[in-house]
């Protein structure tokens, strides 16, 4: 079955950068639309970004637009989330998720598989 594994999280100072990776195994990455979500303690899960199967369409939450960039390398079966100008409000567990149908959405139930998450902490 499809598996997704996030990596790249850690502790970073405000204004710093991190690059998260979502490695997909079991099936070719180009079968799937990939979304990034995050959940901070005591808060609801929120959509962060999404990329289409070909990479031609991307969306971003208003809170991260201009700071985060999503990309995919289907040959490496990996999706990336480059996070720049990080703020303490970005602190959360970040998850990647995959859906078979086309189209980017921030509705968790629309996704077929989820990774375990990677912790991002932005603090001085």
C-alpha atoms as a PDB file:
ATOM      1  CA  UNK A   1       0.000   0.000   0.000  1.00  0.00           C
ATOM      2  CA  UNK A   2       0.952   3.618  -0.372  1.00  0.00           C
ATOM      3  CA  UNK A   3       3.255   4.967   2.324  1.00  0.00           C
ATOM      4  CA  UNK A   4       4.370   8.530   2.993  1.00  0.00           C
ATOM      5  CA  UNK A   5       7.226   9.523   5.288  1.00  0.00           C
ATOM      6  CA  UNK A   6       7.988  13.120   6.235  1.00  0.00           C
ATOM      7  CA  UNK A   7      11.441  14.326   7.223  1.00  0.00           C
ATOM      8  CA  UNK A   8      13.396  17.549   7.610  1.00  0.00           C
ATOM      9  CA  UNK A   9      11.735  19.044  10.651  1.00  0.00           C
ATOM     10  CA  UNK A  10      13.619  20.475  13.581  1.00  0.00           C
ATOM     11  CA  UNK A  11      14.313  23.550  15.671  1.00  0.00           C
ATOM     12  CA  UNK A  12      14.975  26.812  13.861  1.00  0.00           C
ATOM     13  CA  UNK A  13      15.164  30.464  14.881  1.00  0.00           C
ATOM     14  CA  UNK A  14      12.598  32.978  13.661  1.00  0.00           C
ATOM     15  CA  UNK A  15      13.522  34.112  10.181  1.00  0.00           C
ATOM     16  CA  UNK A  16      15.276  30.853   9.425  1.00  0.00           C
ATOM     17  CA  UNK A  17      14.523  28.198   6.838  1.00  0.00           C
ATOM     18  CA  UNK A  18      13.777  24.497   6.656  1.00  0.00           C
ATOM     19  CA  UNK A  19      13.039  22.123   3.817  1.00  0.00           C
ATOM     20  CA  UNK A  20      10.611  19.309   4.505  1.00  0.00           C
ATOM     21  CA  UNK A  21      10.531  16.162   2.398  1.00  0.00           C
ATOM     22  CA  UNK A  22       7.704  13.723   1.790  1.00  0.00           C
ATOM     23  CA  UNK A  23       8.962  10.407   0.449  1.00  0.00           C
ATOM     24  CA  UNK A  24       6.377   8.194  -1.224  1.00  0.00           C
ATOM     25  CA  UNK A  25       6.712   4.450  -1.644  1.00  0.00           C
ATOM     26  CA  UNK A  26       4.520   1.637  -2.913  1.00  0.00           C
ATOM     27  CA  UNK A  27       3.342   3.453  -6.041  1.00  0.00           C
ATOM     28  CA  UNK A  28       4.691   6.047  -8.406  1.00  0.00           C
ATOM     29  CA  UNK A  29       4.388   9.556  -7.057  1.00  0.00           C
ATOM     30  CA  UNK A  30       2.804  10.850 -10.248  1.00  0.00           C
ATOM     31  CA  UNK A  31      -0.365   8.914  -9.416  1.00  0.00           C
ATOM     32  CA  UNK A  32      -1.092  11.356  -6.588  1.00  0.00           C
ATOM     33  CA  UNK A  33      -1.937  14.896  -5.741  1.00  0.00           C
ATOM     34  CA  UNK A  34       0.054  15.825  -2.606  1.00  0.00           C
ATOM     35  CA  UNK A  35      -0.965  18.200   0.152  1.00  0.00           C
ATOM     36  CA  UNK A  36       0.854  19.543   3.192  1.00  0.00           C
ATOM     37  CA  UNK A  37      -1.043  20.110   6.424  1.00  0.00           C
ATOM     38  CA  UNK A  38       0.019  21.198   9.884  1.00  0.00           C
ATOM     39  CA  UNK A  39      -1.374  21.029  13.391  1.00  0.00           C
ATOM     40  CA  UNK A  40      -0.209  23.095  16.340  1.00  0.00           C
ATOM     41  CA  UNK A  41      -0.943  22.094  19.945  1.00  0.00           C
ATOM     42  CA  UNK A  42      -4.491  23.009  20.879  1.00  0.00           C
ATOM     43  CA  UNK A  43      -5.389  24.039  17.341  1.00  0.00           C
ATOM     44  CA  UNK A  44      -7.203  22.413  14.461  1.00  0.00           C
ATOM     45  CA  UNK A  45      -5.354  20.928  11.521  1.00  0.00           C
ATOM     46  CA  UNK A  46      -4.962  23.378   8.670  1.00  0.00           C
ATOM     47  CA  UNK A  47      -3.982  23.065   5.051  1.00  0.00           C
ATOM     48  CA  UNK A  48      -0.650  24.622   4.118  1.00  0.00           C
ATOM     49  CA  UNK A  49      -0.021  23.823   0.466  1.00  0.00           C
ATOM     50  CA  UNK A  50      -0.856  21.397  -2.320  1.00  0.00           C
ATOM     51  CA  UNK A  51       0.655  20.399  -5.644  1.00  0.00           C
ATOM     52  CA  UNK A  52      -0.975  18.700  -8.604  1.00  0.00           C
ATOM     53  CA  UNK A  53       0.170  15.415 -10.103  1.00  0.00           C
ATOM     54  CA  UNK A  54       2.225  17.099 -12.798  1.00  0.00           C
ATOM     55  CA  UNK A  55       3.400  19.931 -10.591  1.00  0.00           C
ATOM     56  CA  UNK A  56       1.699  22.462 -12.828  1.00  0.00           C
ATOM     57  CA  UNK A  57      -0.746  23.697 -10.205  1.00  0.00           C
ATOM     58  CA  UNK A  58       0.109  24.752  -6.658  1.00  0.00           C
ATOM     59  CA  UNK A  59      -1.862  26.420  -3.891  1.00  0.00           C
ATOM     60  CA  UNK A  60      -0.866  27.994  -0.583  1.00  0.00           C
ATOM     61  CA  UNK A  61      -2.605  29.103   2.555  1.00  0.00           C
ATOM     62  CA  UNK A  62      -2.656  32.874   2.934  1.00  0.00           C
ATOM     63  CA  UNK A  63      -0.592  32.576   6.100  1.00  0.00           C
ATOM     64  CA  UNK A  64       2.373  31.058   4.229  1.00  0.00           C
ATOM     65  CA  UNK A  65       2.036  32.586   0.767  1.00  0.00           C
ATOM     66  CA  UNK A  66       5.286  34.161  -0.332  1.00  0.00           C
ATOM     67  CA  UNK A  67       7.291  32.298   2.300  1.00  0.00           C
ATOM     68  CA  UNK A  68       6.716  28.612   1.495  1.00  0.00           C
ATOM     69  CA  UNK A  69       7.248  26.820  -1.810  1.00  0.00           C
ATOM     70  CA  UNK A  70       5.998  23.351  -2.691  1.00  0.00           C
ATOM     71  CA  UNK A  71       7.660  21.271  -5.390  1.00  0.00           C
ATOM     72  CA  UNK A  72       7.846  17.677  -6.525  1.00  0.00           C
ATOM     73  CA  UNK A  73      10.368  15.383  -8.130  1.00  0.00           C
ATOM     74  CA  UNK A  74       8.397  12.442  -9.463  1.00  0.00           C
ATOM     75  CA  UNK A  75      11.561  10.611 -10.504  1.00  0.00           C
ATOM     76  CA  UNK A  76      12.664  10.606  -6.852  1.00  0.00           C
ATOM     77  CA  UNK A  77       9.139   9.990  -5.527  1.00  0.00           C
ATOM     78  CA  UNK A  78       9.535  13.002  -3.259  1.00  0.00           C
ATOM     79  CA  UNK A  79       7.598  16.195  -2.585  1.00  0.00           C
ATOM     80  CA  UNK A  80       9.287  19.126  -0.876  1.00  0.00           C
ATOM     81  CA  UNK A  81       8.117  22.070   1.172  1.00  0.00           C
ATOM     82  CA  UNK A  82      10.687  24.847   1.332  1.00  0.00           C
ATOM     83  CA  UNK A  83       9.893  27.088   4.294  1.00  0.00           C
ATOM     84  CA  UNK A  84      11.572  30.491   4.508  1.00  0.00           C
ATOM     85  CA  UNK A  85      11.175  33.434   6.872  1.00  0.00           C
ATOM     86  CA  UNK A  86       9.787  31.130   9.521  1.00  0.00           C
ATOM     87  CA  UNK A  87       7.709  32.564  12.341  1.00  0.00           C
ATOM     88  CA  UNK A  88       6.876  31.162  15.781  1.00  0.00           C
ATOM     89  CA  UNK A  89       3.306  30.753  14.518  1.00  0.00           C
ATOM     90  CA  UNK A  90       4.609  28.152  12.058  1.00  0.00           C
ATOM     91  CA  UNK A  91       5.428  25.802  14.933  1.00  0.00           C
ATOM     92  CA  UNK A  92       3.445  22.611  14.368  1.00  0.00           C
ATOM     93  CA  UNK A  93       3.606  19.003  13.314  1.00  0.00           C
ATOM     94  CA  UNK A  94       3.641  18.950   9.519  1.00  0.00           C
ATOM     95  CA  UNK A  95       1.996  16.133   7.579  1.00  0.00           C
ATOM     96  CA  UNK A  96       1.953  15.230   3.924  1.00  0.00           C
ATOM     97  CA  UNK A  97      -1.042  13.501   2.403  1.00  0.00           C
ATOM     98  CA  UNK A  98      -1.892  11.926  -0.950  1.00  0.00           C
ATOM     99  CA  UNK A  99      -5.086  11.705  -2.966  1.00  0.00           C
ATOM    100  CA  UNK A 100      -5.742   9.797  -6.165  1.00  0.00           C
ATOM    101  CA  UNK A 101      -8.258  12.133  -7.821  1.00  0.00           C
ATOM    102  CA  UNK A 102      -6.970  15.342  -9.369  1.00  0.00           C
ATOM    103  CA  UNK A 103      -7.486  18.663  -7.669  1.00  0.00           C
ATOM    104  CA  UNK A 104      -6.012  20.400  -4.641  1.00  0.00           C
ATOM    105  CA  UNK A 105      -8.157  20.774  -1.514  1.00  0.00           C
ATOM    106  CA  UNK A 106      -7.612  21.526   2.162  1.00  0.00           C
ATOM    107  CA  UNK A 107     -10.173  18.965   3.297  1.00  0.00           C
ATOM    108  CA  UNK A 108      -8.423  16.163   5.135  1.00  0.00           C
ATOM    109  CA  UNK A 109     -11.055  13.549   4.363  1.00  0.00           C
ATOM    110  CA  UNK A 110     -10.403  14.017   0.644  1.00  0.00           C
ATOM    111  CA  UNK A 111      -6.961  12.433   1.057  1.00  0.00           C
ATOM    112  CA  UNK A 112      -6.353   8.697   0.882  1.00  0.00           C
ATOM    113  CA  UNK A 113      -3.100   8.334   2.844  1.00  0.00           C
ATOM    114  CA  UNK A 114      -1.118  10.315   5.416  1.00  0.00           C
ATOM    115  CA  UNK A 115       2.399  10.351   6.746  1.00  0.00           C
ATOM    116  CA  UNK A 116       3.353  10.229  10.413  1.00  0.00           C
ATOM    117  CA  UNK A 117       4.348  13.883  10.605  1.00  0.00           C
ATOM    118  CA  UNK A 118       7.513  15.824  11.349  1.00  0.00           C
ATOM    119  CA  UNK A 119       7.878  18.434  14.097  1.00  0.00           C
ATOM    120  CA  UNK A 120       8.817  21.995  13.194  1.00  0.00           C
ATOM    121  CA  UNK A 121       9.630  24.324  16.080  1.00  0.00           C
ATOM    122  CA  UNK A 122      10.378  27.999  15.468  1.00  0.00           C
ATOM    123  CA  UNK A 123      11.783  29.622  18.576  1.00  0.00           C
ATOM    124  CA  UNK A 124      14.627  31.828  19.719  1.00  0.00           C
END
